[in-house]
Amino acid sequence: MSKNERFNWLLQQYLSDKISAAEHEEFLELLATHEYDSILSNSIQQYLTKGFENATADLPPHIAQEIVRNIYTAEKKTAEIIPIQSKTKKIWRWVAAASVILIAGSVYFMAANKKNNSSAKDQFASMIPAATVTKENITNEPQQVLLTDGSTVTLKPKAIIHYPQNFKQDSREVYLEGEAFFHVTKNPERPFLVYYKNIVTKVLGTSFTINTNPQTGNVEVAVKTGRVQVSENEKFVKGSLPADAVIVTPNQKAIYQVEKRILATAIVDEPELIHNDKPLTPAKGQGTFIYEQEQLATIFEQFEKAYGIEIIVANANLNNCVFTGDVSSQDLFTKLKIICLTTNASYEVNGTKILIKGKGCN
């Protein structure tokens, strides 16, 4: 195998993310010599051509980013043997070439996402009845909309709500785009249905938030009060078996994984008190969560009532441990961290439950 063939093979291994640590180091050393510029240039052009003709052959953006980073590293290693002026030109030429790959990859993925989002948006728009009122929040602040049944919808910026002037006798249906917080007037005879992309949220009377997680792209329904049922929008999945519906209660959220079409439940990121609880030591009474040599069994029971979240103790001996302190001003997870640290325990969140682990006390 000639040197050029070896470099080209290493390049293909690198681009396919199959290169070993030793091969990676060899590749960077060859790259730093700039003797294989033409091979790399031709390869870039080939990937660009493939990327637009065949989506599966497109170069992932994270690989292009790593190329840019490694090019800088390689240039630094050769700083002593390449004249500054020449080196500067080489840096910009290589960065420009790698940037072309990055841009090409990004453009394709953005175009594909835009096409998918556009298709989903058109499909959702076709579901909205013609005779509806449309409210869009074009401000930079949350905006409240009062519905005819007394329910309120707080639209986040850029959110849109579609609803009828008068609800049906047997149901209340609205269509949401963007993020919003709902406070629904209770009426068991007229269920309140929120259509949002791939899911439908059904409530009788409660408050909750619907939004799309910006990090994962998953749709989330977080419940503040009451109880809701979240199911897959069957109008979106015609001809397919819909995902199993889930029931969500306060401090829980339903998560719809768009790609996998799975509905799951979890604890919200910041659980809130669902009702005011009385201090366990009213004589001391300077706050709700003040403890003096209180057993963990009693403390966790209070947490369960206050937040509506089930707490499971893996080792019964943990219930014998005691805690002294004031954690009234802390959020739930901070409360747990403090108590666990002082009792040599730990906790983890499993779905909608919290598991406490540790050796415990005699």
Protein backbone atom coordinates (compact mmCIF):
# COMPACT_ATOMS: atom_id res chain seq x y z
CA MET A 1 0.00 0.00 0.00
CA SER A 2 1.43 3.37 -1.05
CA LYS A 3 1.52 6.40 1.25
CA ASN A 4 -1.34 8.01 -0.63
CA GLU A 5 -3.43 4.86 -0.39
CA ARG A 6 -2.63 4.62 3.31
CA PHE A 7 -3.71 8.21 3.91
CA ASN A 8 -6.90 7.75 1.91
CA TRP A 9 -7.74 4.59 3.88
CA LEU A 10 -7.13 6.38 7.18
CA LEU A 11 -9.32 9.26 6.00
CA GLN A 12 -12.18 6.90 5.19
CA GLN A 13 -11.79 5.21 8.57
CA TYR A 14 -11.84 8.63 10.23
CA LEU A 15 -14.93 9.84 8.37
CA SER A 16 -16.81 6.62 9.13
CA ASP A 17 -15.86 6.96 12.82
CA LYS A 18 -14.18 3.52 12.77
CA ILE A 19 -10.59 4.70 13.28
CA SER A 20 -8.57 3.30 16.20
CA ALA A 21 -6.56 5.44 18.62
CA ALA A 22 -3.25 4.51 16.94
CA GLU A 23 -4.66 5.10 13.47
CA HIS A 24 -6.09 8.41 14.62
CA GLU A 25 -2.67 9.60 15.77
CA GLU A 26 -1.09 8.42 12.48
CA PHE A 27 -3.77 10.26 10.50
CA LEU A 28 -3.16 13.55 12.34
CA GLU A 29 0.58 13.27 11.82
CA LEU A 30 0.09 12.78 8.07
CA LEU A 31 -2.44 15.59 8.01
CA ALA A 32 0.06 17.95 9.63
CA THR A 33 2.55 17.45 6.77
CA HIS A 34 0.09 18.88 4.21
CA GLU A 35 1.42 16.39 1.66
CA TYR A 36 -2.06 14.96 1.18
CA ASP A 37 -4.03 18.18 0.65
CA SER A 38 -5.24 17.14 -2.79
CA ILE A 39 -6.54 13.79 -1.56
CA LEU A 40 -8.47 15.44 1.23
CA SER A 41 -9.81 18.10 -1.13
CA ASN A 42 -11.08 15.47 -3.57
CA SER A 43 -12.64 13.51 -0.72
CA ILE A 44 -14.44 16.64 0.50
CA GLN A 45 -15.90 17.19 -2.96
CA GLN A 46 -17.02 13.56 -3.15
CA TYR A 47 -18.76 13.78 0.22
CA LEU A 48 -20.46 17.03 -0.80
CA THR A 49 -21.76 15.45 -4.01
CA LYS A 50 -22.94 12.31 -2.20
CA GLY A 51 -24.48 14.38 0.58
CA PHE A 52 -26.91 16.12 -1.73
CA GLU A 53 -27.65 13.12 -3.95
CA ASN A 54 -28.08 10.64 -1.16
CA ALA A 55 -29.00 11.69 2.36
CA THR A 56 -27.50 8.59 3.96
CA ALA A 57 -24.05 9.44 2.59
CA ASP A 58 -24.02 12.91 4.09
CA LEU A 59 -21.22 13.79 6.48
CA PRO A 60 -22.44 14.19 10.09
CA PRO A 61 -21.86 17.74 11.42
CA HIS A 62 -20.08 16.50 14.57
CA ILE A 63 -17.40 14.86 12.39
CA ALA A 64 -16.86 18.13 10.52
CA GLN A 65 -16.55 19.98 13.82
CA GLU A 66 -13.93 17.49 15.00
CA ILE A 67 -12.02 17.97 11.72
CA VAL A 68 -11.88 21.72 12.32
CA ARG A 69 -10.67 21.17 15.88
CA ASN A 70 -8.01 18.70 14.78
CA ILE A 71 -6.85 20.94 11.96
CA TYR A 72 -6.10 23.66 14.49
CA THR A 73 -4.26 21.14 16.66
CA ALA A 74 -2.22 19.89 13.72
CA GLU A 75 -1.32 23.42 12.67
CA LYS A 76 -0.08 24.23 16.17
CA LYS A 77 2.22 21.18 16.06
CA THR A 78 3.82 22.43 12.83
CA ALA A 79 4.17 26.06 13.92
CA GLU A 80 7.95 25.78 14.29
CA ILE A 81 8.63 24.48 10.76
CA ILE A 82 6.08 26.44 8.70
CA PRO A 83 6.56 30.21 8.13
CA ILE A 84 3.91 32.32 9.85
CA GLN A 85 2.54 33.81 6.63
CA SER A 86 2.30 30.43 4.93
CA LYS A 87 0.87 28.83 8.04
CA THR A 88 -1.87 31.46 8.27
CA LYS A 89 -2.91 30.85 4.69
CA LYS A 90 -2.97 27.10 5.26
CA ILE A 91 -5.12 27.45 8.36
CA TRP A 92 -7.75 29.46 6.55
CA ARG A 93 -7.70 27.15 3.53
CA TRP A 94 -8.19 24.05 5.69
CA VAL A 95 -10.77 25.69 7.93
CA ALA A 96 -12.65 26.87 4.85
CA ALA A 97 -12.62 23.35 3.39
CA ALA A 98 -13.79 21.77 6.65
CA SER A 99 -16.37 24.50 7.11
CA VAL A 100 -17.83 23.64 3.73
CA ILE A 101 -18.42 20.11 5.00
CA LEU A 102 -19.96 21.43 8.20
CA ILE A 103 -22.24 23.80 6.33
CA ALA A 104 -23.24 21.17 3.79
CA GLY A 105 -24.10 18.68 6.52
CA SER A 106 -25.97 21.27 8.54
CA VAL A 107 -27.88 22.54 5.52
CA TYR A 108 -29.08 19.04 4.70
CA PHE A 109 -30.18 18.26 8.25
CA MET A 110 -31.87 21.65 8.59
CA ALA A 111 -33.64 21.14 5.28
CA ALA A 112 -34.76 17.64 6.28
CA ASN A 113 -36.01 18.86 9.67
CA LYS A 114 -37.72 21.82 8.06
CA LYS A 115 -39.44 19.50 5.59
CA ASN A 116 -40.59 17.14 8.37
CA ASN A 117 -41.74 20.01 10.59
CA SER A 118 -43.53 21.63 7.67
CA SER A 119 -45.32 18.37 6.86
CA ALA A 120 -46.36 17.87 10.50
CA LYS A 121 -47.49 21.48 10.74
CA ASP A 122 -49.62 21.15 7.60
CA GLN A 123 -51.12 17.93 8.94
CA PHE A 124 -51.93 19.60 12.25
CA ALA A 125 -53.42 22.64 10.48
CA SER A 126 -55.77 20.40 8.52
CA MET A 127 -57.23 19.12 11.81
CA ILE A 128 -58.28 22.56 13.04
CA PRO A 129 -61.97 23.32 12.35
CA ALA A 130 -62.58 26.28 10.06
CA ALA A 131 -64.88 28.13 12.44
CA THR A 132 -62.42 28.82 15.25
CA VAL A 133 -61.00 31.84 17.00
CA THR A 134 -57.21 32.15 16.76
CA LYS A 135 -55.10 33.99 19.32
CA GLU A 136 -51.34 34.38 18.88
CA ASN A 137 -48.96 35.83 21.43
CA ILE A 138 -46.79 38.21 19.41
CA THR A 139 -45.34 39.85 22.53
CA ASN A 140 -42.24 38.93 24.54
CA GLU A 141 -44.27 38.26 27.69
CA PRO A 142 -46.78 35.53 28.64
CA GLN A 143 -50.29 36.46 27.51
CA GLN A 144 -53.52 35.19 29.07
CA VAL A 145 -56.56 34.16 27.03
CA LEU A 146 -59.97 33.73 28.70
CA LEU A 147 -62.16 31.03 27.19
CA THR A 148 -65.96 31.08 27.21
CA ASP A 149 -66.17 28.31 29.85
CA GLY A 150 -64.07 30.32 32.29
CA SER A 151 -60.85 28.41 31.63
CA THR A 152 -57.69 30.42 31.08
CA VAL A 153 -54.74 29.74 28.81
CA THR A 154 -51.42 31.52 29.37
CA LEU A 155 -49.61 31.59 26.05
CA LYS A 156 -45.84 31.83 26.03
CA PRO A 157 -44.29 34.10 23.35
CA LYS A 158 -45.02 32.89 19.78
CA ALA A 159 -47.63 30.38 21.01
CA ILE A 160 -50.99 30.11 19.20
CA ILE A 161 -54.34 28.82 20.48
CA HIS A 162 -57.29 27.88 18.27
CA TYR A 163 -60.70 27.46 19.94
CA PRO A 164 -64.41 27.71 19.03
CA GLN A 165 -66.47 30.75 19.92
CA ASN A 166 -68.78 28.41 21.81
CA PHE A 167 -67.84 24.93 22.98
CA LYS A 168 -69.92 21.84 22.21
CA GLN A 169 -72.41 20.53 24.74
CA ASP A 170 -70.42 17.33 25.37
CA SER A 171 -66.79 18.49 25.04
CA ARG A 172 -64.38 21.43 24.94
CA GLU A 173 -61.72 21.17 22.24
CA VAL A 174 -58.80 23.52 21.61
CA TYR A 175 -55.72 23.32 19.38
CA LEU A 176 -52.33 24.55 20.58
CA GLU A 177 -49.10 25.51 18.82
CA GLY A 178 -46.14 26.39 21.03
CA GLU A 179 -46.02 26.41 24.83
CA ALA A 180 -48.90 27.28 27.15
CA PHE A 181 -50.16 26.86 30.72
CA PHE A 182 -53.80 25.82 31.12
CA HIS A 183 -56.10 26.37 34.09
CA VAL A 184 -59.25 24.47 33.18
CA THR A 185 -62.62 25.05 34.80
CA LYS A 186 -63.96 21.80 36.20
CA ASN A 187 -66.87 20.27 34.30
CA PRO A 188 -67.04 16.43 34.32
CA GLU A 189 -69.85 16.49 31.76
CA ARG A 190 -67.72 18.36 29.22
CA PRO A 191 -64.15 17.01 29.05
CA PHE A 192 -61.51 19.52 27.99
CA LEU A 193 -59.30 18.28 25.12
CA VAL A 194 -56.05 19.93 24.04
CA TYR A 195 -54.72 18.85 20.65
CA TYR A 196 -50.99 19.46 20.41
CA LYS A 197 -49.02 17.98 17.53
CA ASN A 198 -48.89 14.21 18.07
CA ILE A 199 -50.77 14.06 21.39
CA VAL A 200 -54.15 14.78 22.95
CA THR A 201 -54.48 15.84 26.59
CA LYS A 202 -57.85 15.13 28.19
CA VAL A 203 -58.86 16.79 31.48
CA LEU A 204 -61.95 17.39 33.55
CA GLY A 205 -60.61 20.29 35.56
CA THR A 206 -56.98 20.97 36.36
CA SER A 207 -53.89 23.08 35.59
CA PHE A 208 -50.99 21.93 33.47
CA THR A 209 -48.33 22.99 30.97
CA ILE A 210 -47.78 21.67 27.45
CA ASN A 211 -44.55 22.30 25.58
CA THR A 212 -41.81 20.75 23.47
CA ASN A 213 -38.53 20.07 25.25
CA PRO A 214 -35.92 22.13 23.32
CA GLN A 215 -33.11 19.67 24.14
CA THR A 216 -34.84 16.42 23.15
CA GLY A 217 -37.66 17.52 20.86
CA ASN A 218 -40.06 15.40 22.94
CA VAL A 219 -43.51 16.73 23.84
CA GLU A 220 -44.12 17.14 27.59
CA VAL A 221 -47.31 17.65 29.61
CA ALA A 222 -46.53 18.71 33.20
CA VAL A 223 -49.41 18.67 35.71
CA LYS A 224 -49.66 21.23 38.50
CA THR A 225 -53.09 20.34 39.91
CA GLY A 226 -55.68 17.68 39.15
CA ARG A 227 -55.32 14.72 36.86
CA VAL A 228 -54.97 14.40 33.09
CA GLN A 229 -54.90 11.66 30.51
CA VAL A 230 -52.39 11.96 27.68
CA SER A 231 -52.76 9.88 24.55
CA GLU A 232 -51.36 9.81 21.04
CA ASN A 233 -53.31 11.86 18.51
CA GLU A 234 -54.92 9.15 16.37
CA LYS A 235 -55.51 11.68 13.57
CA PHE A 236 -51.73 11.92 13.30
CA VAL A 237 -51.15 8.16 13.17
CA LYS A 238 -53.90 7.00 10.85
CA GLY A 239 -53.69 3.30 10.13
CA SER A 240 -51.28 2.66 12.99
CA LEU A 241 -51.88 1.35 16.47
CA PRO A 242 -51.60 4.36 18.84
CA ALA A 243 -49.28 4.36 21.83
CA ASP A 244 -50.74 3.43 25.21
CA ALA A 245 -52.27 6.40 27.04
CA VAL A 246 -50.90 7.51 30.43
CA ILE A 247 -52.44 9.18 33.47
CA VAL A 248 -50.54 12.09 34.99
CA THR A 249 -51.03 13.61 38.46
CA PRO A 250 -49.51 16.68 40.21
CA ASN A 251 -45.71 16.99 39.97
CA GLN A 252 -45.67 14.39 37.21
CA LYS A 253 -45.25 14.85 33.50
CA ALA A 254 -46.07 12.79 30.45
CA ILE A 255 -43.27 12.55 27.91
CA TYR A 256 -44.07 11.69 24.31
CA GLN A 257 -40.97 10.45 22.49
CA VAL A 258 -41.70 11.58 18.96
CA GLU A 259 -39.26 9.27 17.17
CA LYS A 260 -40.17 6.13 19.11
CA ARG A 261 -43.87 7.02 19.52
CA ILE A 262 -43.78 6.12 23.21
CA LEU A 263 -45.62 7.80 26.08
CA ALA A 264 -43.92 7.63 29.47
CA THR A 265 -44.28 9.38 32.82
CA ALA A 266 -41.71 11.05 35.07
CA ILE A 267 -41.36 13.55 37.89
CA VAL A 268 -41.28 17.20 36.82
CA ASP A 269 -37.96 19.01 37.03
CA GLU A 270 -39.07 21.25 39.90
CA PRO A 271 -41.78 19.64 42.08
CA GLU A 272 -43.99 22.10 43.96
CA LEU A 273 -46.00 21.74 47.16
CA ILE A 274 -49.49 20.54 46.30
CA HIS A 275 -50.94 21.68 49.61
CA ASN A 276 -49.82 23.37 52.81
CA ASP A 277 -48.66 20.87 55.37
CA LYS A 278 -48.42 21.41 59.12
CA PRO A 279 -45.04 21.35 60.88
CA LEU A 280 -44.18 18.11 62.60
CA THR A 281 -43.05 20.10 65.63
CA PRO A 282 -45.74 22.78 66.10
CA ALA A 283 -44.23 23.87 69.40
CA LYS A 284 -41.03 24.85 67.61
CA GLY A 285 -43.14 25.97 64.61
CA GLN A 286 -40.96 28.29 62.59
CA GLY A 287 -41.63 26.49 59.29
CA THR A 288 -43.21 23.52 57.64
CA PHE A 289 -40.16 21.30 57.39
CA ILE A 290 -38.37 21.77 60.71
CA TYR A 291 -37.15 18.58 62.36
CA GLU A 292 -35.50 17.67 65.65
CA GLN A 293 -34.29 14.08 65.92
CA GLU A 294 -37.12 13.04 63.59
CA GLN A 295 -37.08 9.57 62.08
CA LEU A 296 -36.74 9.42 58.29
CA ALA A 297 -39.88 7.29 58.04
CA THR A 298 -41.93 10.24 59.34
CA ILE A 299 -40.08 12.79 57.21
CA PHE A 300 -40.52 10.84 53.97
CA GLU A 301 -44.19 10.29 54.73
CA GLN A 302 -44.62 14.04 55.04
CA PHE A 303 -42.77 14.62 51.77
CA GLU A 304 -45.09 12.17 50.02
CA LYS A 305 -48.17 14.03 51.22
CA ALA A 306 -46.72 17.47 50.54
CA TYR A 307 -45.53 16.74 46.99
CA GLY A 308 -47.74 13.83 45.94
CA ILE A 309 -44.69 11.76 45.02
CA GLU A 310 -44.14 8.19 46.20
CA ILE A 311 -40.89 7.66 48.12
CA ILE A 312 -39.62 4.10 48.45
CA VAL A 313 -36.99 3.10 51.02
CA ALA A 314 -34.82 0.26 49.74
CA ASN A 315 -33.57 -0.71 53.21
CA ALA A 316 -36.00 -0.71 56.14
CA ASN A 317 -33.14 0.25 58.48
CA LEU A 318 -33.11 3.70 56.86
CA ASN A 319 -36.41 4.44 58.59
CA ASN A 320 -34.57 4.28 61.93
CA CYS A 321 -32.19 7.10 61.03
CA VAL A 322 -32.98 10.54 62.46
CA PHE A 323 -32.51 14.04 61.11
CA THR A 324 -32.33 17.45 62.80
CA GLY A 325 -32.58 20.65 60.77
CA ASP A 326 -34.73 23.18 58.92
CA VAL A 327 -35.19 22.52 55.20
CA SER A 328 -38.34 24.59 54.78
CA SER A 329 -36.86 26.97 52.21
CA GLN A 330 -35.39 24.24 50.01
CA ASP A 331 -36.95 22.54 46.99
CA LEU A 332 -37.76 18.84 47.21
CA PHE A 333 -34.56 17.54 45.64
CA THR A 334 -32.40 19.80 47.80
CA LYS A 335 -34.28 18.61 50.88
CA LEU A 336 -33.50 15.04 49.92
CA LYS A 337 -29.83 15.82 49.24
CA ILE A 338 -29.39 17.42 52.66
CA ILE A 339 -31.13 14.59 54.52
CA CYS A 340 -29.28 11.89 52.58
CA LEU A 341 -25.91 13.53 53.17
CA THR A 342 -26.46 13.63 56.92
CA THR A 343 -27.63 10.01 57.09
CA ASN A 344 -25.10 8.47 54.69
CA ALA A 345 -27.82 7.66 52.17
CA SER A 346 -28.57 8.52 48.55
CA TYR A 347 -31.61 8.87 46.30
CA GLU A 348 -32.47 8.35 42.67
CA VAL A 349 -35.53 9.12 40.57
CA ASN A 350 -37.17 6.11 38.91
CA GLY A 351 -40.03 7.23 36.70
CA THR A 352 -42.58 8.87 38.99
CA LYS A 353 -41.05 7.47 42.19
CA ILE A 354 -38.03 8.32 44.35
CA LEU A 355 -35.86 5.52 45.70
CA ILE A 356 -33.83 6.05 48.89
CA LYS A 357 -30.78 3.80 49.28
CA GLY A 358 -28.29 3.28 52.10
CA LYS A 359 -27.20 1.03 54.97
CA GLY A 360 -29.55 2.65 57.41
CA CYS A 361 -29.38 2.82 61.20
CA ASN A 362 -29.93 0.29 63.98
